[in-house]
Each structure stands twice: as structure tokens, then as C-alpha cells.
């Protein structure tokens, strides 16, 4: 029994070593989704609003409901446990559900929700992680280009850079710095954020950053926010 246990332990160590070596040599990052996969995230945002700080927190549950042959996938995103704190008052928010479709490279395809606001497309594009089509390793960077569409997305561009390999919440991740800015004349939004991405399936484990002049839905409107999102479970 002890002999078999030692062999199993050595096999696990070897597997981890091979995985680490593969990350050092470079991997193709993409979202590899499977129907039924579900991830929960704890979200917190602190916004500058009318001279005070407006804090929003919620639990986001994302469940993959459809995956196409080309890797395009659809998720059902449920927001619950929402709270807004402002000038000493805390208000509970109603639960909400949206359906979002992405290409495997992170490009937004379609967003469907009860709230009909074209700025939602801008917000989703700013928050989404955009993958490189090439092998990447620590030190590599790539450009991101988001095209304008007739649903609300605007032209935007920026860069992503792999800064390190780190263990986060039990996941082997790449720590990736993202700089993104919209290419519009009036109130362009920008992002300066760090993502921790699991290269096995391209899922985000954690993110933290600043969304400057972000197009939050009415009545908040354009506002700058410090945002954190951390995986649960």
C-alpha cells in the first residue's frame, strides 16, 4: 500500500512539473468552456459619485449553457446578494439575470438582459479579458482591438502583458496586466487592471483594477471605479 502511495505521489509531482514547464514554454490562452460549467465570483466596486463613494457588491454566478464547434460559448449570468452603500445608507438590490455570448478569444458577440442600455456593451467589453491568438509566456504581450458595432460597442484598443506565474486560490495562473482605452471623442473610458487567468481553461480567477470614466448605466452615468472580482468555491 505504501509503495503504491509513493508511486502515486511521484506521478502527481511529475504531472505538476510538466504543467509548470509547459507554462514556461508558452501556452495558447483561450476560454475552453463546457456546457454545465459554473463559476461564482464575488464582485466589489467603489465608484466616485457626486463627490462621495458609492460602493456596490454582489455575487455573480456564471453558467455555460451552450458551446459551438468554433468555441463560441453562451453563459447565463445571475447577479444576487447585491448591495449599494452610499452616504451611510445601504440598499439591497434585486436579483437579475443576463445571457452573454463570447467567442473563444474573448470577443463579445451578444448581450441580452432586462436592462436595455447600449452602454452595457461598452461595459462588458471593458470588463472582458481578450486572449492572444499566439503562444504566450511570462514577458510576452499582445495588442487588443475591439471593433465598433451597431449594438453599443465602440472602437477600443490596448495591450495585455503576462507579468508572472502565480498560484491564486489553488489555481496555477498567469498574472496579466491589461491597459485598454476607447477611441471616441466624448468621454472615452479606459481600464488599467490585473487579471489572474487559469491557462487550463482560460477562466479568470481574480481581477483588480481601475475603470476610468466607465459608462455605468443610468442614473450613475460615467464614473471612475476601483473594481475587484474574486472566484469563490
Protein backbone atom coordinates (compact mmCIF):
# COMPACT_ATOMS: atom_id res chain seq x y z
CA UNK A 1 0.00 0.00 0.00
CA UNK A 2 2.78 2.45 0.99
CA UNK A 3 4.64 1.61 -2.22
CA UNK A 4 1.58 2.39 -4.34
CA UNK A 5 1.06 5.64 -2.39
CA UNK A 6 4.64 6.73 -3.08
CA UNK A 7 4.23 5.97 -6.78
CA UNK A 8 1.00 7.98 -6.91
CA UNK A 9 2.74 10.87 -5.14
CA UNK A 10 5.64 10.81 -7.57
CA UNK A 11 3.23 10.74 -10.50
CA UNK A 12 1.41 13.81 -9.14
CA UNK A 13 4.72 15.67 -8.70
CA UNK A 14 5.73 14.77 -12.25
CA UNK A 15 2.41 15.98 -13.62
CA UNK A 16 2.75 19.30 -11.81
CA UNK A 17 6.32 19.68 -13.07
CA UNK A 18 5.21 19.06 -16.64
CA UNK A 19 2.39 21.61 -16.28
CA UNK A 20 4.81 24.22 -14.93
CA UNK A 21 7.26 23.52 -17.73
CA UNK A 22 4.51 23.89 -20.32
CA UNK A 23 3.59 27.32 -18.91
CA UNK A 24 7.22 28.41 -19.07
CA UNK A 25 7.48 27.29 -22.71
CA UNK A 26 4.26 29.08 -23.60
CA UNK A 27 0.59 28.22 -23.97
CA UNK A 28 -2.29 29.32 -26.16
CA UNK A 29 -4.74 31.11 -23.87
CA UNK A 30 -8.39 30.74 -24.77
CA UNK A 31 -11.65 30.15 -22.98
CA UNK A 32 -12.33 26.41 -23.16
CA UNK A 33 -15.89 26.18 -21.89
CA UNK A 34 -18.05 23.11 -21.31
CA UNK A 35 -21.83 23.07 -21.01
CA UNK A 36 -22.78 22.97 -17.36
CA UNK A 37 -19.58 24.60 -16.08
CA UNK A 38 -20.42 27.13 -13.35
CA UNK A 39 -18.20 29.70 -11.65
CA UNK A 40 -19.08 32.08 -8.84
CA UNK A 41 -17.41 35.45 -8.34
CA UNK A 42 -17.60 37.98 -5.52
CA UNK A 43 -17.63 41.46 -7.08
CA UNK A 44 -16.95 44.78 -5.37
CA UNK A 45 -16.80 48.23 -6.96
CA UNK A 46 -16.16 51.61 -5.32
CA UNK A 47 -17.30 54.49 -7.56
CA UNK A 48 -16.71 58.22 -7.35
CA UNK A 49 -20.27 59.57 -7.46
CA UNK A 50 -21.23 63.22 -6.85
CA UNK A 51 -18.28 63.80 -4.56
CA UNK A 52 -18.85 60.68 -2.45
CA UNK A 53 -18.01 57.00 -2.71
CA UNK A 54 -20.76 54.66 -3.90
CA UNK A 55 -19.94 51.03 -3.12
CA UNK A 56 -21.54 48.10 -4.90
CA UNK A 57 -21.12 44.42 -4.06
CA UNK A 58 -22.72 41.26 -5.40
CA UNK A 59 -22.34 37.56 -6.08
CA UNK A 60 -22.14 36.68 -9.77
CA UNK A 61 -22.84 33.10 -10.90
CA UNK A 62 -21.87 32.26 -14.47
CA UNK A 63 -23.12 29.01 -16.01
CA UNK A 64 -22.18 27.82 -19.50
CA UNK A 65 -25.37 26.92 -21.39
CA UNK A 66 -24.13 26.40 -24.95
CA UNK A 67 -20.82 25.82 -26.75
CA UNK A 68 -20.44 25.92 -30.54
CA UNK A 69 -17.96 23.94 -32.61
CA UNK A 70 -15.75 27.02 -33.09
CA UNK A 71 -15.52 27.57 -29.33
CA UNK A 72 -18.09 30.37 -29.16
CA UNK A 73 -19.95 29.93 -25.89
CA UNK A 74 -23.01 31.29 -24.11
CA UNK A 75 -23.28 31.90 -20.39
CA UNK A 76 -26.21 32.65 -18.13
CA UNK A 77 -25.04 35.23 -15.61
CA UNK A 78 -27.03 35.68 -12.39
CA UNK A 79 -26.37 38.60 -10.07
CA UNK A 80 -27.54 38.11 -6.48
CA UNK A 81 -26.84 39.43 -2.97
CA UNK A 82 -26.47 42.89 -4.47
CA UNK A 83 -25.95 45.83 -2.10
CA UNK A 84 -25.34 49.52 -2.72
CA UNK A 85 -23.86 51.68 0.07
CA UNK A 86 -23.90 55.47 -0.32
CA UNK A 87 -23.55 58.26 2.23
CA UNK A 88 -24.30 55.96 5.15
CA UNK A 89 -27.29 54.18 3.62
CA UNK A 90 -27.24 50.59 2.32
CA UNK A 91 -29.82 49.35 -0.18
CA UNK A 92 -30.41 45.75 -1.24
CA UNK A 93 -30.63 45.23 -4.99
CA UNK A 94 -32.99 42.95 -6.87
CA UNK A 95 -31.50 39.80 -8.39
CA UNK A 96 -31.01 39.92 -12.15
CA UNK A 97 -30.12 37.55 -14.98
CA UNK A 98 -28.42 38.14 -18.32
CA UNK A 99 -27.30 35.97 -21.22
CA UNK A 100 -23.93 36.71 -22.78
CA UNK A 101 -22.25 35.13 -25.81
CA UNK A 102 -18.49 35.32 -26.36
CA UNK A 103 -16.06 33.99 -28.93
CA UNK A 104 -13.30 31.78 -27.51
CA UNK A 105 -10.86 34.71 -27.85
CA UNK A 106 -12.97 36.84 -25.50
CA UNK A 107 -14.76 38.97 -28.11
CA UNK A 108 -18.32 39.89 -27.12
CA UNK A 109 -20.96 38.61 -29.57
CA UNK A 110 -24.32 39.27 -27.93
CA UNK A 111 -25.71 40.51 -24.61
CA UNK A 112 -29.35 40.01 -23.58
CA UNK A 113 -30.76 41.39 -20.33
CA UNK A 114 -33.77 43.11 -18.82
CA UNK A 115 -31.88 46.41 -18.79
CA UNK A 116 -31.85 47.86 -22.31
CA UNK A 117 -28.90 50.26 -22.36
CA UNK A 118 -26.31 50.40 -25.19
CA UNK A 119 -23.65 51.36 -22.65
CA UNK A 120 -23.87 47.80 -21.32
CA UNK A 121 -21.94 46.66 -24.41
CA UNK A 122 -19.21 49.18 -23.62
CA UNK A 123 -19.06 47.97 -20.02
CA UNK A 124 -18.89 44.28 -20.95
CA UNK A 125 -16.09 44.98 -23.46
CA UNK A 126 -14.12 46.90 -20.84
CA UNK A 127 -14.53 44.10 -18.27
CA UNK A 128 -13.88 41.13 -20.58
CA UNK A 129 -10.48 39.51 -20.98
CA UNK A 130 -9.21 39.36 -24.57
CA UNK A 131 -6.88 36.50 -25.50
CA UNK A 132 -3.86 36.36 -27.80
CA UNK A 133 -4.03 34.01 -30.83
CA UNK A 134 -0.40 33.03 -30.24
CA UNK A 135 1.58 31.06 -27.69
CA UNK A 136 2.36 33.29 -24.72
CA UNK A 137 4.67 33.03 -21.72
CA UNK A 138 5.92 35.34 -18.99
CA UNK A 139 7.17 38.58 -20.55
CA UNK A 140 5.04 38.31 -23.70
CA UNK A 141 2.48 40.95 -24.68
CA UNK A 142 -0.18 41.36 -27.35
CA UNK A 143 -2.45 44.02 -28.76
CA UNK A 144 -6.21 44.11 -28.27
CA UNK A 145 -8.65 45.65 -30.77
CA UNK A 146 -12.37 45.93 -30.06
CA UNK A 147 -14.49 46.95 -33.07
CA UNK A 148 -17.48 49.25 -33.04
CA UNK A 149 -20.87 47.65 -33.73
CA UNK A 150 -24.50 48.76 -34.00
CA UNK A 151 -25.46 47.44 -30.54
CA UNK A 152 -23.44 49.87 -28.43
CA UNK A 153 -19.81 48.73 -28.64
CA UNK A 154 -17.31 51.43 -29.59
CA UNK A 155 -13.81 51.18 -31.04
CA UNK A 156 -11.25 50.47 -28.34
CA UNK A 157 -7.73 49.13 -28.15
CA UNK A 158 -4.88 48.37 -25.81
CA UNK A 159 -2.34 45.80 -24.67
CA UNK A 160 -2.04 42.76 -22.42
CA UNK A 161 1.22 41.60 -20.86
CA UNK A 162 1.99 38.39 -18.96
CA UNK A 163 3.89 39.56 -15.89
CA UNK A 164 4.30 36.36 -13.84
CA UNK A 165 3.14 32.85 -12.97
CA UNK A 166 1.37 32.80 -9.62
CA UNK A 167 -0.67 30.40 -7.51
CA UNK A 168 -4.03 32.03 -6.68
CA UNK A 169 -6.88 30.34 -4.81
CA UNK A 170 -5.43 26.92 -5.64
CA UNK A 171 -5.06 27.67 -9.37
CA UNK A 172 -1.84 27.94 -11.37
CA UNK A 173 -2.32 31.27 -13.12
CA UNK A 174 -0.74 33.84 -15.36
CA UNK A 175 -0.80 37.35 -13.87
CA UNK A 176 -1.65 39.60 -16.81
CA UNK A 177 -1.65 43.41 -16.88
CA UNK A 178 -4.29 44.93 -19.16
CA UNK A 179 -4.42 48.50 -20.48
CA UNK A 180 -7.45 49.37 -22.61
CA UNK A 181 -8.94 52.64 -23.86
CA UNK A 182 -11.89 53.57 -26.05
CA UNK A 183 -11.24 55.51 -29.27
CA UNK A 184 -14.06 58.04 -29.10
CA UNK A 185 -14.02 61.84 -28.78
CA UNK A 186 -16.51 62.24 -25.93
CA UNK A 187 -15.93 60.67 -22.51
CA UNK A 188 -13.68 57.75 -23.55
CA UNK A 189 -13.44 55.06 -20.90
CA UNK A 190 -10.23 53.25 -20.01
CA UNK A 191 -9.09 50.28 -17.95
CA UNK A 192 -5.90 49.61 -16.01
CA UNK A 193 -6.33 46.16 -14.50
CA UNK A 194 -4.58 42.96 -13.48
CA UNK A 195 -6.14 39.59 -14.27
CA UNK A 196 -5.13 36.21 -12.90
CA UNK A 197 -6.08 33.68 -15.60
CA UNK A 198 -6.04 29.88 -15.35
CA UNK A 199 -4.36 28.71 -18.60
CA UNK A 200 -6.05 25.28 -18.42
CA UNK A 201 -9.42 26.71 -19.43
CA UNK A 202 -8.89 30.46 -19.78
CA UNK A 203 -11.16 31.29 -16.83
CA UNK A 204 -10.50 34.36 -14.71
CA UNK A 205 -9.62 33.53 -11.12
CA UNK A 206 -9.22 37.08 -9.85
CA UNK A 207 -9.05 40.63 -11.13
CA UNK A 208 -8.38 44.03 -9.66
CA UNK A 209 -8.16 47.37 -11.37
CA UNK A 210 -9.43 50.86 -12.11
CA UNK A 211 -12.14 51.63 -14.64
CA UNK A 212 -11.78 55.34 -15.52
CA UNK A 213 -14.81 57.24 -16.83
CA UNK A 214 -16.66 53.93 -17.24
CA UNK A 215 -20.14 54.19 -18.83
CA UNK A 216 -22.18 52.85 -15.91
CA UNK A 217 -25.90 52.62 -16.69
CA UNK A 218 -28.24 55.48 -15.74
CA UNK A 219 -28.61 57.11 -13.26
CA UNK A 220 -24.92 56.74 -12.33
CA UNK A 221 -23.52 57.61 -15.75
CA UNK A 222 -19.77 57.98 -16.46
CA UNK A 223 -17.77 57.31 -13.29
CA UNK A 224 -14.37 56.07 -12.19
CA UNK A 225 -14.31 52.92 -10.06
CA UNK A 226 -11.93 50.62 -8.25
CA UNK A 227 -13.08 47.08 -9.06
CA UNK A 228 -12.20 43.68 -7.60
CA UNK A 229 -13.59 40.31 -8.52
CA UNK A 230 -12.57 37.04 -6.87
CA UNK A 231 -13.59 33.48 -7.60
CA UNK A 232 -15.49 31.59 -4.91
CA UNK A 233 -15.57 27.83 -4.42
